[in-house]
């Protein structure tokens, strides 16, 4: 397969979606682990140290560029595949759906759009203010813990984040399995295990992220 086919052929687009999907799953694990530091309940000391490491060192900042590239590519290829699938009267990017498929597996484009809107709000709340304070280079950062306390004191923000995390959970419920199947992890012996891990991961990640704004809003952390 040539580089052109990777980005233009149906198989190539599915491969890109699978690879970027897996990389984004790994990012979610790291992001959730870092944010879980808020539950140390130490006034944000542990969380701010972890956030400073990610935002104040060269290697994480370089990886950050790759992350944004992966997100953009995932979104772009996802929309292209959605349009192609609609034109062929099929849905999805890794499996050929049969009757009785889950609604969220038929709605990956819609869920992806909701997540994109949520991501823009999330970046506007935290990433842009922090990076702009650094001049988008390595420099002084804002107190992200205090910023989280401020943003999540507003009920509408908490509701938006909850809805965004629910959309992410449903997107992952299908996307996790689909990404690994696209990469060739697909046989009867492992299908049930892969499906169980995918559903478990989607539930765990969405609940973990939902609990974060709730923890600030209800004062579970100080």
Protein backbone atom coordinates (compact mmCIF):
# COMPACT_ATOMS: atom_id res chain seq x y z
CA UNK A 1 0.00 0.00 0.00
CA UNK A 2 1.43 3.38 -1.02
CA UNK A 3 1.28 6.50 1.17
CA UNK A 4 -1.36 7.92 -1.14
CA UNK A 5 -3.52 4.82 -0.68
CA UNK A 6 -3.16 5.07 3.09
CA UNK A 7 -5.04 8.38 3.02
CA UNK A 8 -7.33 7.82 0.02
CA UNK A 9 -8.36 4.16 -0.10
CA UNK A 10 -11.12 2.77 2.12
CA UNK A 11 -8.75 0.22 3.67
CA UNK A 12 -6.12 2.88 4.25
CA UNK A 13 -8.58 5.22 5.94
CA UNK A 14 -9.74 2.43 8.23
CA UNK A 15 -6.12 1.68 9.11
CA UNK A 16 -5.48 5.33 9.95
CA UNK A 17 -8.65 5.41 12.06
CA UNK A 18 -7.53 2.29 13.91
CA UNK A 19 -4.02 3.56 14.61
CA UNK A 20 -5.10 7.05 15.66
CA UNK A 21 -7.95 5.55 17.69
CA UNK A 22 -5.57 3.35 19.68
CA UNK A 23 -3.19 6.27 20.27
CA UNK A 24 -6.10 8.38 21.55
CA UNK A 25 -7.17 5.55 23.85
CA UNK A 26 -3.66 5.55 25.33
CA UNK A 27 -3.86 9.33 25.72
CA UNK A 28 -7.15 9.01 27.61
CA UNK A 29 -5.48 6.61 30.06
CA UNK A 30 -2.65 9.10 30.69
CA UNK A 31 -5.03 12.07 30.89
CA UNK A 32 -7.37 10.31 33.34
CA UNK A 33 -4.41 9.21 35.48
CA UNK A 34 -3.04 12.75 35.65
CA UNK A 35 -6.42 14.29 36.45
CA UNK A 36 -7.04 11.67 39.13
CA UNK A 37 -4.40 13.51 41.18
CA UNK A 38 -7.16 15.93 42.21
CA UNK A 39 -8.43 13.22 44.55
CA UNK A 40 -5.25 13.46 46.61
CA UNK A 41 -7.24 16.31 48.19
CA UNK A 42 -4.07 18.25 48.97
CA UNK A 43 -5.15 21.60 47.60
CA UNK A 44 -4.02 20.66 44.12
CA UNK A 45 -0.32 20.22 44.92
CA UNK A 46 0.05 16.77 43.35
CA UNK A 47 -2.13 17.68 40.37
CA UNK A 48 -0.24 20.90 39.65
CA UNK A 49 3.10 19.08 39.85
CA UNK A 50 1.87 16.52 37.33
CA UNK A 51 0.41 19.24 35.09
CA UNK A 52 3.67 21.19 35.27
CA UNK A 53 5.63 18.14 34.18
CA UNK A 54 3.37 17.72 31.13
CA UNK A 55 3.33 21.40 30.23
CA UNK A 56 6.82 22.49 31.25
CA UNK A 57 9.04 19.87 29.62
CA UNK A 58 10.14 19.51 26.02
CA UNK A 59 9.31 15.83 25.41
CA UNK A 60 5.64 16.01 26.52
CA UNK A 61 5.23 19.20 24.49
CA UNK A 62 6.59 17.48 21.37
CA UNK A 63 4.25 14.54 21.99
CA UNK A 64 1.47 17.08 22.35
CA UNK A 65 2.00 18.15 18.74
CA UNK A 66 1.70 14.53 17.63
CA UNK A 67 -1.45 14.17 19.73
CA UNK A 68 -3.13 17.12 18.04
CA UNK A 69 -2.06 15.78 14.67
CA UNK A 70 -3.61 12.41 15.51
CA UNK A 71 -6.85 14.03 16.67
CA UNK A 72 -7.16 16.10 13.49
CA UNK A 73 -6.39 13.09 11.30
CA UNK A 74 -8.86 10.91 13.23
CA UNK A 75 -11.62 13.50 12.82
CA UNK A 76 -10.88 14.10 9.14
CA UNK A 77 -10.73 10.43 8.20
CA UNK A 78 -13.78 9.71 10.33
CA UNK A 79 -15.89 12.23 8.46
CA UNK A 80 -14.64 10.95 5.10
CA UNK A 81 -15.53 7.37 6.01
CA UNK A 82 -18.92 8.44 7.33
CA UNK A 83 -19.71 10.15 4.02
CA UNK A 84 -18.48 7.12 2.06
CA UNK A 85 -20.50 4.73 4.21
CA UNK A 86 -23.65 6.80 3.79
CA UNK A 87 -23.18 6.87 0.03
CA UNK A 88 -22.93 3.07 0.08
CA UNK A 89 -25.84 2.79 2.55
CA UNK A 90 -23.59 1.20 5.17
CA UNK A 91 -22.33 2.51 8.49
CA UNK A 92 -19.10 2.14 10.46
CA UNK A 93 -15.43 1.98 9.70
CA UNK A 94 -14.20 -1.42 10.80
CA UNK A 95 -17.00 -3.93 10.64
CA UNK A 96 -19.83 -4.75 8.31
CA UNK A 97 -22.91 -4.23 10.47
CA UNK A 98 -25.77 -6.66 10.51
CA UNK A 99 -29.34 -6.04 11.61
CA UNK A 100 -29.54 -5.43 15.34
CA UNK A 101 -26.33 -3.41 15.62
CA UNK A 102 -26.20 -0.97 18.52
CA UNK A 103 -27.44 2.56 17.88
CA UNK A 104 -24.13 4.07 18.92
CA UNK A 105 -22.26 1.92 16.41
CA UNK A 106 -24.48 3.46 13.73
CA UNK A 107 -23.96 6.97 15.12
CA UNK A 108 -20.18 7.31 15.32
CA UNK A 109 -20.25 10.45 13.15
CA UNK A 110 -22.80 12.17 15.40
CA UNK A 111 -21.03 11.13 18.59
CA UNK A 112 -17.70 12.24 17.12
CA UNK A 113 -19.20 15.66 16.34
CA UNK A 114 -20.50 16.05 19.90
CA UNK A 115 -17.08 15.08 21.25
CA UNK A 116 -15.42 17.61 18.92
CA UNK A 117 -17.65 20.40 20.25
CA UNK A 118 -16.88 19.29 23.81
CA UNK A 119 -13.15 19.19 23.02
CA UNK A 120 -13.25 22.79 21.75
CA UNK A 121 -14.90 23.91 25.00
CA UNK A 122 -12.39 21.91 27.05
CA UNK A 123 -9.41 23.42 25.22
CA UNK A 124 -10.89 26.91 25.61
CA UNK A 125 -11.25 26.39 29.37
CA UNK A 126 -7.84 24.94 30.14
CA UNK A 127 -5.35 24.34 27.32
CA UNK A 128 -5.47 27.75 25.61
CA UNK A 129 -5.30 29.82 28.82
CA UNK A 130 -2.38 27.74 30.08
CA UNK A 131 -0.41 27.75 26.84
CA UNK A 132 -1.07 31.43 26.14
CA UNK A 133 0.34 32.26 29.58
CA UNK A 134 3.51 30.49 28.44
CA UNK A 135 3.57 32.26 25.10
CA UNK A 136 2.90 28.76 23.66
CA UNK A 137 6.52 27.90 24.56
CA UNK A 138 8.01 26.70 27.83
CA UNK A 139 7.30 29.26 30.50
CA UNK A 140 5.21 30.08 33.59
CA UNK A 141 1.85 28.37 33.77
CA UNK A 142 -1.47 29.19 35.36
CA UNK A 143 -2.68 27.31 38.42
CA UNK A 144 -4.74 24.65 36.64
CA UNK A 145 -6.22 23.31 39.86
CA UNK A 146 -7.66 26.70 40.76
CA UNK A 147 -8.83 27.08 37.17
CA UNK A 148 -10.70 23.78 37.46
CA UNK A 149 -12.30 24.91 40.73
CA UNK A 150 -13.45 28.12 39.03
CA UNK A 151 -14.85 26.50 35.87
CA UNK A 152 -16.55 23.62 37.65
CA UNK A 153 -18.30 25.92 40.10
CA UNK A 154 -20.70 26.72 37.25
CA UNK A 155 -23.56 24.25 36.81
CA UNK A 156 -23.83 24.70 33.02
CA UNK A 157 -20.15 23.82 32.61
CA UNK A 158 -20.58 20.69 34.72
CA UNK A 159 -23.61 19.64 32.65
CA UNK A 160 -21.74 20.19 29.37
CA UNK A 161 -18.82 18.10 30.62
CA UNK A 162 -21.11 15.30 31.76
CA UNK A 163 -22.84 15.21 28.36
CA UNK A 164 -19.46 15.29 26.62
CA UNK A 165 -18.17 12.40 28.72
CA UNK A 166 -21.31 10.36 28.06
CA UNK A 167 -20.82 10.91 24.32
CA UNK A 168 -17.19 9.85 24.72
CA UNK A 169 -18.27 6.69 26.54
CA UNK A 170 -20.65 5.62 23.78
CA UNK A 171 -18.07 6.50 21.12
CA UNK A 172 -15.52 4.33 22.89
CA UNK A 173 -18.03 1.49 23.38
CA UNK A 174 -17.88 0.85 19.65
CA UNK A 175 -14.61 2.57 18.72
CA UNK A 176 -12.44 0.50 21.09
CA UNK A 177 -13.47 -2.80 19.51
CA UNK A 178 -13.53 -1.37 16.02
CA UNK A 179 -9.99 0.03 16.27
CA UNK A 180 -8.47 -3.28 17.37
CA UNK A 181 -10.49 -5.27 14.83
CA UNK A 182 -9.22 -2.97 12.10
CA UNK A 183 -5.67 -3.73 13.24
CA UNK A 184 -6.34 -7.46 12.85
CA UNK A 185 -7.19 -8.44 16.45
CA UNK A 186 -10.31 -10.26 15.36
CA UNK A 187 -11.12 -13.94 15.85
CA UNK A 188 -13.78 -15.92 17.68
CA UNK A 189 -11.41 -16.81 20.51
CA UNK A 190 -10.77 -13.19 21.49
CA UNK A 191 -13.97 -11.40 20.38
CA UNK A 192 -15.78 -11.75 23.72
CA UNK A 193 -12.70 -10.68 25.67
CA UNK A 194 -12.12 -7.68 23.38
CA UNK A 195 -15.76 -6.70 23.62
CA UNK A 196 -15.76 -6.95 27.42
CA UNK A 197 -12.56 -4.90 27.76
CA UNK A 198 -13.95 -2.30 25.37
CA UNK A 199 -17.23 -1.89 27.26
CA UNK A 200 -15.43 -1.87 30.60
CA UNK A 201 -12.95 0.73 29.44
CA UNK A 202 -15.64 2.99 27.97
CA UNK A 203 -17.64 2.89 31.21
CA UNK A 204 -14.60 3.38 33.45
CA UNK A 205 -13.18 6.32 31.49
CA UNK A 206 -16.49 8.13 31.11
CA UNK A 207 -17.35 7.75 34.82
CA UNK A 208 -13.84 8.83 35.88
CA UNK A 209 -14.06 12.02 33.82
CA UNK A 210 -17.64 12.72 34.94
CA UNK A 211 -16.63 12.45 38.61
CA UNK A 212 -13.98 15.15 38.19
CA UNK A 213 -16.28 18.16 37.60
CA UNK A 214 -18.78 16.71 40.08
CA UNK A 215 -16.04 16.51 42.72
CA UNK A 216 -15.35 20.23 42.39
CA UNK A 217 -19.00 21.29 42.10
CA UNK A 218 -20.10 19.40 45.21
CA UNK A 219 -16.94 20.21 47.18
CA UNK A 220 -15.65 16.64 47.43
CA UNK A 221 -12.17 18.04 46.87
CA UNK A 222 -10.79 21.28 48.28
